[in-house]
């Protein structure tokens, strides 16, 4: 154990000499000061980030075996659940994680409203958080169709019919979302691209901006939020 620790320290020192990682860790993590009167509600943001990371990790594992095709999508999910070692665990974590992420984000947004952390000078931080909530709902919606089961097919049919009553543009919006009059292979391809590439990329960008703003402005102190908003 001692030899392993010495080897790790040697590698860490080698990397630090070339990257300055020790100073970065010290400034951003170990010596980062936070208000003393924080409560459990302030942990929801970090929990949201953790669940998002879990979704990315399990999603990558699922991509190894998932086949985005109307002929093979359901069979590939069955194979993941029944044949791939621990595939059932990875898919269950991914599915449950989607629900958990929505719940945690909603609680986080509610706590921000009650604590008043959205007020001056953190308006942009609040807006990026709202954007992340809507993108999370979007990524959950697009992922629901991917198993291509009867439940996901008809649930998506109902959901995509919601804009239809809008005068003039409603039917066109439905057609744009589906890629046709009805749910078809193009719908699966569109939802797969949105779920795997487009929305995650947008979320990563917003997460980076959100964390940057938190780092620059600091974590709001519940006892100083009103003073900041009046400044």
C-alpha atoms as a PDB file:
ATOM      1  CA  UNK A   1       0.000   0.000   0.000  1.00  0.00           C
ATOM      2  CA  UNK A   2       2.884   2.335   0.827  1.00  0.00           C
ATOM      3  CA  UNK A   3       4.559   1.664  -2.518  1.00  0.00           C
ATOM      4  CA  UNK A   4       1.294   2.310  -4.345  1.00  0.00           C
ATOM      5  CA  UNK A   5       0.849   5.619  -2.500  1.00  0.00           C
ATOM      6  CA  UNK A   6       4.406   6.682  -3.338  1.00  0.00           C
ATOM      7  CA  UNK A   7       3.850   5.757  -6.984  1.00  0.00           C
ATOM      8  CA  UNK A   8       0.632   7.784  -7.060  1.00  0.00           C
ATOM      9  CA  UNK A   9       2.334  10.786  -5.448  1.00  0.00           C
ATOM     10  CA  UNK A  10       5.184  10.555  -7.950  1.00  0.00           C
ATOM     11  CA  UNK A  11       2.760  10.527 -10.878  1.00  0.00           C
ATOM     12  CA  UNK A  12       0.752  13.367  -9.317  1.00  0.00           C
ATOM     13  CA  UNK A  13       3.911  15.460  -8.889  1.00  0.00           C
ATOM     14  CA  UNK A  14       4.931  14.705 -12.484  1.00  0.00           C
ATOM     15  CA  UNK A  15       1.546  15.868 -13.788  1.00  0.00           C
ATOM     16  CA  UNK A  16       1.521  18.899 -11.477  1.00  0.00           C
ATOM     17  CA  UNK A  17       4.933  20.079 -12.675  1.00  0.00           C
ATOM     18  CA  UNK A  18       3.574  20.174 -16.236  1.00  0.00           C
ATOM     19  CA  UNK A  19       0.000  21.352 -15.598  1.00  0.00           C
ATOM     20  CA  UNK A  20      -0.148  23.141 -12.242  1.00  0.00           C
ATOM     21  CA  UNK A  21      -3.039  20.936 -11.176  1.00  0.00           C
ATOM     22  CA  UNK A  22      -2.284  21.199  -7.444  1.00  0.00           C
ATOM     23  CA  UNK A  23      -2.828  24.953  -7.466  1.00  0.00           C
ATOM     24  CA  UNK A  24      -6.002  24.539  -9.512  1.00  0.00           C
ATOM     25  CA  UNK A  25      -7.409  21.976  -7.071  1.00  0.00           C
ATOM     26  CA  UNK A  26      -6.459  24.171  -4.122  1.00  0.00           C
ATOM     27  CA  UNK A  27      -8.145  27.281  -5.543  1.00  0.00           C
ATOM     28  CA  UNK A  28     -11.273  25.623  -6.919  1.00  0.00           C
ATOM     29  CA  UNK A  29     -11.941  22.852  -4.388  1.00  0.00           C
ATOM     30  CA  UNK A  30     -10.057  22.570  -1.111  1.00  0.00           C
ATOM     31  CA  UNK A  31      -9.719  26.306  -0.351  1.00  0.00           C
ATOM     32  CA  UNK A  32     -12.996  27.432  -1.944  1.00  0.00           C
ATOM     33  CA  UNK A  33     -14.918  29.363   0.692  1.00  0.00           C
ATOM     34  CA  UNK A  34     -18.692  29.091   1.051  1.00  0.00           C
ATOM     35  CA  UNK A  35     -21.181  30.940   3.299  1.00  0.00           C
ATOM     36  CA  UNK A  36     -21.342  29.417   6.815  1.00  0.00           C
ATOM     37  CA  UNK A  37     -25.155  29.321   7.041  1.00  0.00           C
ATOM     38  CA  UNK A  38     -25.909  26.872   4.226  1.00  0.00           C
ATOM     39  CA  UNK A  39     -28.536  24.154   4.655  1.00  0.00           C
ATOM     40  CA  UNK A  40     -29.464  20.895   2.935  1.00  0.00           C
ATOM     41  CA  UNK A  41     -31.368  22.727   0.186  1.00  0.00           C
ATOM     42  CA  UNK A  42     -28.054  24.004  -1.167  1.00  0.00           C
ATOM     43  CA  UNK A  43     -26.965  20.426  -1.892  1.00  0.00           C
ATOM     44  CA  UNK A  44     -29.628  19.976  -4.602  1.00  0.00           C
ATOM     45  CA  UNK A  45     -27.524  21.688  -7.262  1.00  0.00           C
ATOM     46  CA  UNK A  46     -24.583  19.362  -6.661  1.00  0.00           C
ATOM     47  CA  UNK A  47     -26.946  16.382  -6.549  1.00  0.00           C
ATOM     48  CA  UNK A  48     -28.400  17.440  -9.927  1.00  0.00           C
ATOM     49  CA  UNK A  49     -24.889  17.544 -11.387  1.00  0.00           C
ATOM     50  CA  UNK A  50     -24.124  14.100  -9.967  1.00  0.00           C
ATOM     51  CA  UNK A  51     -27.293  12.583 -11.469  1.00  0.00           C
ATOM     52  CA  UNK A  52     -26.520  14.262 -14.809  1.00  0.00           C
ATOM     53  CA  UNK A  53     -23.059  12.679 -14.777  1.00  0.00           C
ATOM     54  CA  UNK A  54     -24.631   9.313 -13.950  1.00  0.00           C
ATOM     55  CA  UNK A  55     -27.002   9.705 -16.906  1.00  0.00           C
ATOM     56  CA  UNK A  56     -24.112  10.452 -19.250  1.00  0.00           C
ATOM     57  CA  UNK A  57     -22.136   7.450 -18.013  1.00  0.00           C
ATOM     58  CA  UNK A  58     -24.998   4.947 -18.170  1.00  0.00           C
ATOM     59  CA  UNK A  59     -26.102   6.404 -21.512  1.00  0.00           C
ATOM     60  CA  UNK A  60     -22.672   5.724 -23.021  1.00  0.00           C
ATOM     61  CA  UNK A  61     -22.817   2.110 -21.793  1.00  0.00           C
ATOM     62  CA  UNK A  62     -26.282   1.667 -23.308  1.00  0.00           C
ATOM     63  CA  UNK A  63     -25.107   3.087 -26.633  1.00  0.00           C
ATOM     64  CA  UNK A  64     -22.688   0.179 -26.983  1.00  0.00           C
ATOM     65  CA  UNK A  65     -25.589  -2.261 -27.446  1.00  0.00           C
ATOM     66  CA  UNK A  66     -28.601  -0.147 -28.421  1.00  0.00           C
ATOM     67  CA  UNK A  67     -29.604  -0.230 -32.105  1.00  0.00           C
ATOM     68  CA  UNK A  68     -31.546   2.869 -33.282  1.00  0.00           C
ATOM     69  CA  UNK A  69     -33.777   1.030 -35.728  1.00  0.00           C
ATOM     70  CA  UNK A  70     -37.503   0.333 -35.683  1.00  0.00           C
ATOM     71  CA  UNK A  71     -36.747  -3.311 -36.514  1.00  0.00           C
ATOM     72  CA  UNK A  72     -34.092  -3.831 -33.835  1.00  0.00           C
ATOM     73  CA  UNK A  73     -34.531  -1.182 -31.130  1.00  0.00           C
ATOM     74  CA  UNK A  74     -36.885  -3.200 -28.912  1.00  0.00           C
ATOM     75  CA  UNK A  75     -34.857  -6.395 -29.392  1.00  0.00           C
ATOM     76  CA  UNK A  76     -31.649  -4.569 -28.458  1.00  0.00           C
ATOM     77  CA  UNK A  77     -33.261  -3.309 -25.254  1.00  0.00           C
ATOM     78  CA  UNK A  78     -34.395  -6.845 -24.425  1.00  0.00           C
ATOM     79  CA  UNK A  79     -30.862  -8.093 -25.031  1.00  0.00           C
ATOM     80  CA  UNK A  80     -29.457  -5.411 -22.716  1.00  0.00           C
ATOM     81  CA  UNK A  81     -31.935  -6.365 -20.001  1.00  0.00           C
ATOM     82  CA  UNK A  82     -31.682 -10.156 -20.306  1.00  0.00           C
ATOM     83  CA  UNK A  83     -28.330 -11.103 -21.851  1.00  0.00           C
ATOM     84  CA  UNK A  84     -25.704  -8.414 -21.276  1.00  0.00           C
ATOM     85  CA  UNK A  85     -23.999  -8.777 -17.868  1.00  0.00           C
ATOM     86  CA  UNK A  86     -25.394  -6.102 -15.540  1.00  0.00           C
ATOM     87  CA  UNK A  87     -27.228  -4.577 -18.498  1.00  0.00           C
ATOM     88  CA  UNK A  88     -30.444  -4.578 -16.475  1.00  0.00           C
ATOM     89  CA  UNK A  89     -28.690  -2.542 -13.796  1.00  0.00           C
ATOM     90  CA  UNK A  90     -27.321   0.027 -16.239  1.00  0.00           C
ATOM     91  CA  UNK A  91     -30.670   0.500 -17.977  1.00  0.00           C
ATOM     92  CA  UNK A  92     -32.580   0.658 -14.696  1.00  0.00           C
ATOM     93  CA  UNK A  93     -30.155   3.283 -13.377  1.00  0.00           C
ATOM     94  CA  UNK A  94     -30.577   5.273 -16.591  1.00  0.00           C
ATOM     95  CA  UNK A  95     -34.375   5.092 -16.535  1.00  0.00           C
ATOM     96  CA  UNK A  96     -34.700   5.810 -12.807  1.00  0.00           C
ATOM     97  CA  UNK A  97     -32.028   8.500 -13.064  1.00  0.00           C
ATOM     98  CA  UNK A  98     -34.133  10.397 -15.604  1.00  0.00           C
ATOM     99  CA  UNK A  99     -37.053  10.581 -13.168  1.00  0.00           C
ATOM    100  CA  UNK A 100     -34.733  11.434 -10.286  1.00  0.00           C
ATOM    101  CA  UNK A 101     -33.069  14.220 -12.254  1.00  0.00           C
ATOM    102  CA  UNK A 102     -36.404  15.896 -13.004  1.00  0.00           C
ATOM    103  CA  UNK A 103     -37.469  15.669  -9.349  1.00  0.00           C
ATOM    104  CA  UNK A 104     -34.160  17.000  -8.018  1.00  0.00           C
ATOM    105  CA  UNK A 105     -34.092  19.846 -10.543  1.00  0.00           C
ATOM    106  CA  UNK A 106     -37.644  20.861  -9.703  1.00  0.00           C
ATOM    107  CA  UNK A 107     -36.829  20.879  -5.989  1.00  0.00           C
ATOM    108  CA  UNK A 108     -33.666  22.857  -6.730  1.00  0.00           C
ATOM    109  CA  UNK A 109     -35.617  25.479  -8.679  1.00  0.00           C
ATOM    110  CA  UNK A 110     -38.257  25.744  -5.937  1.00  0.00           C
ATOM    111  CA  UNK A 111     -35.576  26.151  -3.269  1.00  0.00           C
ATOM    112  CA  UNK A 112     -33.851  28.868  -5.334  1.00  0.00           C
ATOM    113  CA  UNK A 113     -37.153  30.781  -5.527  1.00  0.00           C
ATOM    114  CA  UNK A 114     -37.816  30.527  -1.778  1.00  0.00           C
ATOM    115  CA  UNK A 115     -34.227  31.338  -0.813  1.00  0.00           C
ATOM    116  CA  UNK A 116     -34.140  34.238  -3.278  1.00  0.00           C
ATOM    117  CA  UNK A 117     -30.958  33.120  -5.032  1.00  0.00           C
ATOM    118  CA  UNK A 118     -32.355  34.216  -8.389  1.00  0.00           C
ATOM    119  CA  UNK A 119     -32.154  37.900  -7.477  1.00  0.00           C
ATOM    120  CA  UNK A 120     -29.520  40.443  -8.466  1.00  0.00           C
ATOM    121  CA  UNK A 121     -26.744  39.767  -9.413  1.00  0.00           C
ATOM    122  CA  UNK A 122     -27.599  36.113 -10.215  1.00  0.00           C
ATOM    123  CA  UNK A 123     -30.307  36.579 -12.855  1.00  0.00           C
ATOM    124  CA  UNK A 124     -28.246  34.910 -15.618  1.00  0.00           C
ATOM    125  CA  UNK A 125     -27.466  31.990 -13.306  1.00  0.00           C
ATOM    126  CA  UNK A 126     -31.221  31.574 -12.807  1.00  0.00           C
ATOM    127  CA  UNK A 127     -31.899  31.727 -16.543  1.00  0.00           C
ATOM    128  CA  UNK A 128     -29.283  29.080 -17.322  1.00  0.00           C
ATOM    129  CA  UNK A 129     -30.852  26.904 -14.627  1.00  0.00           C
ATOM    130  CA  UNK A 130     -34.277  27.336 -16.241  1.00  0.00           C
ATOM    131  CA  UNK A 131     -32.747  26.382 -19.575  1.00  0.00           C
ATOM    132  CA  UNK A 132     -31.275  23.235 -18.038  1.00  0.00           C
ATOM    133  CA  UNK A 133     -34.675  22.281 -16.619  1.00  0.00           C
ATOM    134  CA  UNK A 134     -36.369  22.581 -20.008  1.00  0.00           C
ATOM    135  CA  UNK A 135     -33.547  20.663 -21.703  1.00  0.00           C
ATOM    136  CA  UNK A 136     -33.872  17.940 -19.072  1.00  0.00           C
ATOM    137  CA  UNK A 137     -37.581  17.605 -19.853  1.00  0.00           C
ATOM    138  CA  UNK A 138     -36.686  17.493 -23.547  1.00  0.00           C
ATOM    139  CA  UNK A 139     -34.052  14.790 -23.145  1.00  0.00           C
ATOM    140  CA  UNK A 140     -36.459  12.692 -21.049  1.00  0.00           C
ATOM    141  CA  UNK A 141     -39.168  13.115 -23.680  1.00  0.00           C
ATOM    142  CA  UNK A 142     -36.918  12.109 -26.585  1.00  0.00           C
ATOM    143  CA  UNK A 143     -35.496   9.166 -24.673  1.00  0.00           C
ATOM    144  CA  UNK A 144     -38.921   7.735 -23.920  1.00  0.00           C
ATOM    145  CA  UNK A 145     -39.463   6.677 -27.535  1.00  0.00           C
ATOM    146  CA  UNK A 146     -36.111   4.929 -27.994  1.00  0.00           C
ATOM    147  CA  UNK A 147     -37.153   1.485 -26.652  1.00  0.00           C
ATOM    148  CA  UNK A 148     -39.785   1.455 -29.432  1.00  0.00           C
ATOM    149  CA  UNK A 149     -42.292  -0.448 -27.297  1.00  0.00           C
ATOM    150  CA  UNK A 150     -46.063  -0.171 -27.516  1.00  0.00           C
ATOM    151  CA  UNK A 151     -46.098   2.054 -24.447  1.00  0.00           C
ATOM    152  CA  UNK A 152     -43.426   4.440 -25.740  1.00  0.00           C
ATOM    153  CA  UNK A 153     -44.951   4.512 -29.237  1.00  0.00           C
ATOM    154  CA  UNK A 154     -48.460   5.475 -28.132  1.00  0.00           C
ATOM    155  CA  UNK A 155     -47.285   7.792 -25.353  1.00  0.00           C
ATOM    156  CA  UNK A 156     -45.162   9.691 -27.891  1.00  0.00           C
ATOM    157  CA  UNK A 157     -48.101   9.763 -30.290  1.00  0.00           C
ATOM    158  CA  UNK A 158     -50.255  11.420 -27.636  1.00  0.00           C
ATOM    159  CA  UNK A 159     -47.513  13.819 -26.552  1.00  0.00           C
ATOM    160  CA  UNK A 160     -46.653  14.954 -30.070  1.00  0.00           C
ATOM    161  CA  UNK A 161     -50.338  15.644 -30.728  1.00  0.00           C
ATOM    162  CA  UNK A 162     -50.355  18.406 -28.098  1.00  0.00           C
ATOM    163  CA  UNK A 163     -49.393  21.256 -30.502  1.00  0.00           C
ATOM    164  CA  UNK A 164     -51.970  20.140 -33.093  1.00  0.00           C
ATOM    165  CA  UNK A 165     -54.840  22.457 -31.945  1.00  0.00           C
ATOM    166  CA  UNK A 166     -52.665  25.536 -32.489  1.00  0.00           C
ATOM    167  CA  UNK A 167     -54.230  27.455 -35.423  1.00  0.00           C
ATOM    168  CA  UNK A 168     -52.422  27.270 -38.771  1.00  0.00           C
ATOM    169  CA  UNK A 169     -49.014  26.113 -37.522  1.00  0.00           C
ATOM    170  CA  UNK A 170     -50.137  23.323 -35.149  1.00  0.00           C
ATOM    171  CA  UNK A 171     -50.283  20.496 -37.708  1.00  0.00           C
ATOM    172  CA  UNK A 172     -46.976  21.631 -39.221  1.00  0.00           C
ATOM    173  CA  UNK A 173     -45.296  21.516 -35.814  1.00  0.00           C
ATOM    174  CA  UNK A 174     -46.564  17.977 -35.291  1.00  0.00           C
ATOM    175  CA  UNK A 175     -45.299  16.963 -38.709  1.00  0.00           C
ATOM    176  CA  UNK A 176     -41.921  18.561 -38.002  1.00  0.00           C
ATOM    177  CA  UNK A 177     -41.541  16.725 -34.719  1.00  0.00           C
ATOM    178  CA  UNK A 178     -42.574  13.369 -36.151  1.00  0.00           C
ATOM    179  CA  UNK A 179     -41.001  13.677 -39.554  1.00  0.00           C
ATOM    180  CA  UNK A 180     -44.345  12.773 -41.095  1.00  0.00           C
ATOM    181  CA  UNK A 181     -48.018  12.398 -40.367  1.00  0.00           C
ATOM    182  CA  UNK A 182     -47.504   9.528 -37.922  1.00  0.00           C
ATOM    183  CA  UNK A 183     -44.751   8.145 -35.721  1.00  0.00           C
ATOM    184  CA  UNK A 184     -42.339   6.453 -38.138  1.00  0.00           C
ATOM    185  CA  UNK A 185     -38.660   5.455 -38.456  1.00  0.00           C
ATOM    186  CA  UNK A 186     -37.728   9.093 -39.117  1.00  0.00           C
ATOM    187  CA  UNK A 187     -39.248  10.006 -35.741  1.00  0.00           C
ATOM    188  CA  UNK A 188     -37.019   7.477 -34.010  1.00  0.00           C
ATOM    189  CA  UNK A 189     -33.955   8.794 -35.860  1.00  0.00           C
ATOM    190  CA  UNK A 190     -34.779  12.397 -34.919  1.00  0.00           C
ATOM    191  CA  UNK A 191     -35.403  11.580 -31.293  1.00  0.00           C
ATOM    192  CA  UNK A 192     -32.226   9.491 -31.136  1.00  0.00           C
ATOM    193  CA  UNK A 193     -30.114  12.326 -32.558  1.00  0.00           C
ATOM    194  CA  UNK A 194     -31.680  14.827 -30.163  1.00  0.00           C
ATOM    195  CA  UNK A 195     -31.337  12.516 -27.161  1.00  0.00           C
ATOM    196  CA  UNK A 196     -27.762  11.420 -27.787  1.00  0.00           C
ATOM    197  CA  UNK A 197     -26.075  14.406 -29.448  1.00  0.00           C
ATOM    198  CA  UNK A 198     -27.973  17.689 -29.659  1.00  0.00           C
ATOM    199  CA  UNK A 199     -29.561  18.054 -26.218  1.00  0.00           C
ATOM    200  CA  UNK A 200     -26.585  16.636 -24.228  1.00  0.00           C
ATOM    201  CA  UNK A 201     -24.248  19.060 -26.016  1.00  0.00           C
ATOM    202  CA  UNK A 202     -26.528  21.978 -25.168  1.00  0.00           C
ATOM    203  CA  UNK A 203     -26.801  20.798 -21.575  1.00  0.00           C
ATOM    204  CA  UNK A 204     -23.028  20.490 -21.177  1.00  0.00           C
ATOM    205  CA  UNK A 205     -22.603  24.031 -22.501  1.00  0.00           C
ATOM    206  CA  UNK A 206     -25.223  25.408 -20.107  1.00  0.00           C
ATOM    207  CA  UNK A 207     -23.779  23.449 -17.182  1.00  0.00           C
ATOM    208  CA  UNK A 208     -20.357  24.965 -17.904  1.00  0.00           C
ATOM    209  CA  UNK A 209     -21.836  28.496 -18.010  1.00  0.00           C
ATOM    210  CA  UNK A 210     -23.910  27.805 -14.874  1.00  0.00           C
ATOM    211  CA  UNK A 211     -20.896  26.578 -12.893  1.00  0.00           C
ATOM    212  CA  UNK A 212     -18.760  29.450 -14.161  1.00  0.00           C
ATOM    213  CA  UNK A 213     -21.320  31.989 -12.948  1.00  0.00           C
ATOM    214  CA  UNK A 214     -21.580  30.268  -9.579  1.00  0.00           C
ATOM    215  CA  UNK A 215     -17.791  30.356  -9.273  1.00  0.00           C
ATOM    216  CA  UNK A 216     -17.591  34.034 -10.253  1.00  0.00           C
ATOM    217  CA  UNK A 217     -20.542  35.303  -8.196  1.00  0.00           C
ATOM    218  CA  UNK A 218     -20.198  32.828  -5.353  1.00  0.00           C
ATOM    219  CA  UNK A 219     -22.912  30.869  -3.578  1.00  0.00           C
ATOM    220  CA  UNK A 220     -25.728  33.077  -2.342  1.00  0.00           C
ATOM    221  CA  UNK A 221     -25.995  33.653   1.395  1.00  0.00           C
ATOM    222  CA  UNK A 222     -29.668  33.464   2.489  1.00  0.00           C
ATOM    223  CA  UNK A 223     -29.116  36.357   4.900  1.00  0.00           C
ATOM    224  CA  UNK A 224     -27.509  38.601   2.272  1.00  0.00           C
ATOM    225  CA  UNK A 225     -29.674  37.909  -0.787  1.00  0.00           C
ATOM    226  CA  UNK A 226     -32.087  40.738  -0.037  1.00  0.00           C
ATOM    227  CA  UNK A 227     -29.210  43.158   0.567  1.00  0.00           C
ATOM    228  CA  UNK A 228     -27.684  42.217  -2.803  1.00  0.00           C
ATOM    229  CA  UNK A 229     -30.998  42.707  -4.600  1.00  0.00           C
ATOM    230  CA  UNK A 230     -31.363  46.193  -3.092  1.00  0.00           C
ATOM    231  CA  UNK A 231     -27.797  47.211  -3.970  1.00  0.00           C
END
